[in-house]
Amino acid sequence: MTADDSYGRLDDDDYPAYTMGRAAEMLGTTQGFLRAIGEARLITPLRSAGGHRRYSRYQLRVAARARELVDQGTPIEAACRIIVLEDQLEEAQRINAEYRRGTEATNQPTDG
């Protein structure tokens, strides 16, 4: 791997750059919390060659949302389900918007 390849990963939201300890520190939570949301299958960290968990920036954002809900008193299993449903809703809204744009484009009157 060249230095250029490594620098390109700095912008990759899915690159597993953070150790469990660093991720927990950044989120202000415990490693046990990260393990719990992993066991709930909210996020699945990649593993290093040595078997250590590695987290991406995207996964850290998801974990931060889970922590926010848990801090508000939501049980961890419910927080994970809420986040999954929020993601599904966002995806459905994106698909609907694309469909509407496509429908509007095909229904445009033509000059003629």
C-alpha atoms as a PDB file:
ATOM      1  CA  MET A   1       0.000   0.000   0.000  1.00  0.00           C
ATOM      2  CA  THR A   2       1.335   3.401  -0.915  1.00  0.00           C
ATOM      3  CA  ALA A   3       1.035   6.598   1.064  1.00  0.00           C
ATOM      4  CA  ASP A   4      -1.483   7.859  -1.501  1.00  0.00           C
ATOM      5  CA  ASP A   5      -3.684   4.796  -0.825  1.00  0.00           C
ATOM      6  CA  SER A   6      -3.547   5.471   2.907  1.00  0.00           C
ATOM      7  CA  TYR A   7      -4.462   9.136   2.512  1.00  0.00           C
ATOM      8  CA  GLY A   8      -7.432   8.208   0.345  1.00  0.00           C
ATOM      9  CA  ARG A   9      -8.862   6.228   3.247  1.00  0.00           C
ATOM     10  CA  LEU A  10      -8.991   9.341   5.415  1.00  0.00           C
ATOM     11  CA  ASP A  11     -12.183  10.361   3.605  1.00  0.00           C
ATOM     12  CA  ASP A  12     -13.696   6.861   3.603  1.00  0.00           C
ATOM     13  CA  ASP A  13     -16.596   6.746   6.095  1.00  0.00           C
ATOM     14  CA  ASP A  14     -16.547   2.951   6.016  1.00  0.00           C
ATOM     15  CA  TYR A  15     -12.836   2.419   6.655  1.00  0.00           C
ATOM     16  CA  PRO A  16     -12.390   0.731  10.068  1.00  0.00           C
ATOM     17  CA  ALA A  17      -9.819   3.153  11.453  1.00  0.00           C
ATOM     18  CA  TYR A  18     -10.682   3.280  15.148  1.00  0.00           C
ATOM     19  CA  THR A  19      -9.885   0.757  17.855  1.00  0.00           C
ATOM     20  CA  MET A  20     -12.521  -0.079  20.424  1.00  0.00           C
ATOM     21  CA  GLY A  21     -10.710   1.937  23.074  1.00  0.00           C
ATOM     22  CA  ARG A  22     -10.390   4.988  20.849  1.00  0.00           C
ATOM     23  CA  ALA A  23     -14.008   4.693  19.671  1.00  0.00           C
ATOM     24  CA  ALA A  24     -15.272   4.502  23.265  1.00  0.00           C
ATOM     25  CA  GLU A  25     -13.126   7.487  24.201  1.00  0.00           C
ATOM     26  CA  MET A  26     -14.394   9.554  21.264  1.00  0.00           C
ATOM     27  CA  LEU A  27     -18.017   8.732  22.125  1.00  0.00           C
ATOM     28  CA  GLY A  28     -17.570   9.245  25.835  1.00  0.00           C
ATOM     29  CA  THR A  29     -18.874   5.762  26.554  1.00  0.00           C
ATOM     30  CA  THR A  30     -17.544   2.394  27.637  1.00  0.00           C
ATOM     31  CA  GLN A  31     -16.210  -0.461  25.599  1.00  0.00           C
ATOM     32  CA  GLY A  32     -19.038  -2.532  27.091  1.00  0.00           C
ATOM     33  CA  PHE A  33     -21.556  -0.207  25.434  1.00  0.00           C
ATOM     34  CA  LEU A  34     -19.894  -0.793  22.059  1.00  0.00           C
ATOM     35  CA  ARG A  35     -19.944  -4.545  22.657  1.00  0.00           C
ATOM     36  CA  ALA A  36     -23.645  -4.342  23.611  1.00  0.00           C
ATOM     37  CA  ILE A  37     -24.699  -2.550  20.429  1.00  0.00           C
ATOM     38  CA  GLY A  38     -22.586  -5.037  18.503  1.00  0.00           C
ATOM     39  CA  GLU A  39     -24.397  -7.928  20.194  1.00  0.00           C
ATOM     40  CA  ALA A  40     -27.696  -6.225  19.334  1.00  0.00           C
ATOM     41  CA  ARG A  41     -26.430  -6.228  15.718  1.00  0.00           C
ATOM     42  CA  LEU A  42     -26.767  -2.490  15.330  1.00  0.00           C
ATOM     43  CA  ILE A  43     -23.183  -2.298  14.114  1.00  0.00           C
ATOM     44  CA  THR A  44     -20.712  -5.020  13.235  1.00  0.00           C
ATOM     45  CA  PRO A  45     -17.149  -3.857  13.658  1.00  0.00           C
ATOM     46  CA  LEU A  46     -14.511  -5.297  11.406  1.00  0.00           C
ATOM     47  CA  ARG A  47     -11.676  -7.230  12.970  1.00  0.00           C
ATOM     48  CA  SER A  48      -7.972  -6.558  12.652  1.00  0.00           C
ATOM     49  CA  ALA A  49      -5.568  -9.362  11.784  1.00  0.00           C
ATOM     50  CA  GLY A  50      -5.135  -9.838  15.533  1.00  0.00           C
ATOM     51  CA  GLY A  51      -8.902 -10.113  16.093  1.00  0.00           C
ATOM     52  CA  HIS A  52      -9.385  -6.661  17.611  1.00  0.00           C
ATOM     53  CA  ARG A  53     -12.545  -4.700  16.825  1.00  0.00           C
ATOM     54  CA  ARG A  54     -12.181  -1.739  14.464  1.00  0.00           C
ATOM     55  CA  TYR A  55     -14.842   0.894  13.888  1.00  0.00           C
ATOM     56  CA  SER A  56     -15.520   3.235  10.977  1.00  0.00           C
ATOM     57  CA  ARG A  57     -16.670   6.837  11.195  1.00  0.00           C
ATOM     58  CA  TYR A  58     -20.111   5.753   9.992  1.00  0.00           C
ATOM     59  CA  GLN A  59     -20.314   3.186  12.793  1.00  0.00           C
ATOM     60  CA  LEU A  60     -19.262   5.820  15.309  1.00  0.00           C
ATOM     61  CA  ARG A  61     -22.114   8.080  14.164  1.00  0.00           C
ATOM     62  CA  VAL A  62     -24.585   5.201  14.599  1.00  0.00           C
ATOM     63  CA  ALA A  63     -23.133   4.411  18.025  1.00  0.00           C
ATOM     64  CA  ALA A  64     -23.386   8.088  19.008  1.00  0.00           C
ATOM     65  CA  ARG A  65     -27.089   8.072  18.077  1.00  0.00           C
ATOM     66  CA  ALA A  66     -27.591   4.925  20.161  1.00  0.00           C
ATOM     67  CA  ARG A  67     -25.827   6.530  23.102  1.00  0.00           C
ATOM     68  CA  GLU A  68     -28.031   9.620  22.752  1.00  0.00           C
ATOM     69  CA  LEU A  69     -31.174   7.480  22.971  1.00  0.00           C
ATOM     70  CA  VAL A  70     -29.838   5.406  25.870  1.00  0.00           C
ATOM     71  CA  ASP A  71     -28.849   8.570  27.737  1.00  0.00           C
ATOM     72  CA  GLN A  72     -32.483   9.692  27.370  1.00  0.00           C
ATOM     73  CA  GLY A  73     -33.605   6.516  29.137  1.00  0.00           C
ATOM     74  CA  THR A  74     -34.348   4.256  26.166  1.00  0.00           C
ATOM     75  CA  PRO A  75     -33.353   0.607  26.729  1.00  0.00           C
ATOM     76  CA  ILE A  76     -30.451  -0.378  24.487  1.00  0.00           C
ATOM     77  CA  GLU A  77     -32.456  -2.955  22.497  1.00  0.00           C
ATOM     78  CA  ALA A  78     -35.180  -0.380  21.825  1.00  0.00           C
ATOM     79  CA  ALA A  79     -32.585   2.254  20.887  1.00  0.00           C
ATOM     80  CA  CYS A  80     -31.091  -0.126  18.343  1.00  0.00           C
ATOM     81  CA  ARG A  81     -34.525  -0.846  16.862  1.00  0.00           C
ATOM     82  CA  ILE A  82     -35.339   2.869  16.665  1.00  0.00           C
ATOM     83  CA  ILE A  83     -32.121   3.530  14.753  1.00  0.00           C
ATOM     84  CA  VAL A  84     -32.831   0.696  12.306  1.00  0.00           C
ATOM     85  CA  LEU A  85     -36.326   2.078  11.722  1.00  0.00           C
ATOM     86  CA  GLU A  86     -34.975   5.618  11.275  1.00  0.00           C
ATOM     87  CA  ASP A  87     -32.547   4.315   8.642  1.00  0.00           C
ATOM     88  CA  GLN A  88     -35.331   2.422   6.855  1.00  0.00           C
ATOM     89  CA  LEU A  89     -37.527   5.522   6.839  1.00  0.00           C
ATOM     90  CA  GLU A  90     -34.709   7.673   5.468  1.00  0.00           C
ATOM     91  CA  GLU A  91     -34.074   5.137   2.694  1.00  0.00           C
ATOM     92  CA  ALA A  92     -37.785   4.955   1.815  1.00  0.00           C
ATOM     93  CA  GLN A  93     -37.986   8.748   1.658  1.00  0.00           C
ATOM     94  CA  ARG A  94     -34.943   8.835  -0.626  1.00  0.00           C
ATOM     95  CA  ILE A  95     -36.488   6.234  -2.950  1.00  0.00           C
ATOM     96  CA  ASN A  96     -39.798   8.116  -3.008  1.00  0.00           C
ATOM     97  CA  ALA A  97     -38.045  11.378  -3.878  1.00  0.00           C
ATOM     98  CA  GLU A  98     -36.200   9.656  -6.741  1.00  0.00           C
ATOM     99  CA  TYR A  99     -39.464   8.163  -7.980  1.00  0.00           C
ATOM    100  CA  ARG A 100     -41.202  11.556  -7.875  1.00  0.00           C
ATOM    101  CA  ARG A 101     -38.349  13.180  -9.802  1.00  0.00           C
ATOM    102  CA  GLY A 102     -38.550  10.430 -12.418  1.00  0.00           C
ATOM    103  CA  THR A 103     -42.318  10.732 -12.704  1.00  0.00           C
ATOM    104  CA  GLU A 104     -42.161  14.524 -13.004  1.00  0.00           C
ATOM    105  CA  ALA A 105     -39.534  14.237 -15.735  1.00  0.00           C
ATOM    106  CA  THR A 106     -41.654  11.826 -17.804  1.00  0.00           C
ATOM    107  CA  ASN A 107     -44.797  13.946 -17.379  1.00  0.00           C
ATOM    108  CA  GLN A 108     -43.206  17.193 -18.568  1.00  0.00           C
ATOM    109  CA  PRO A 109     -45.011  18.626 -21.600  1.00  0.00           C
ATOM    110  CA  THR A 110     -42.913  18.633 -24.711  1.00  0.00           C
ATOM    111  CA  ASP A 111     -42.630  21.561 -27.061  1.00  0.00           C
ATOM    112  CA  GLY A 112     -44.089  20.604 -30.328  1.00  0.00           C
END
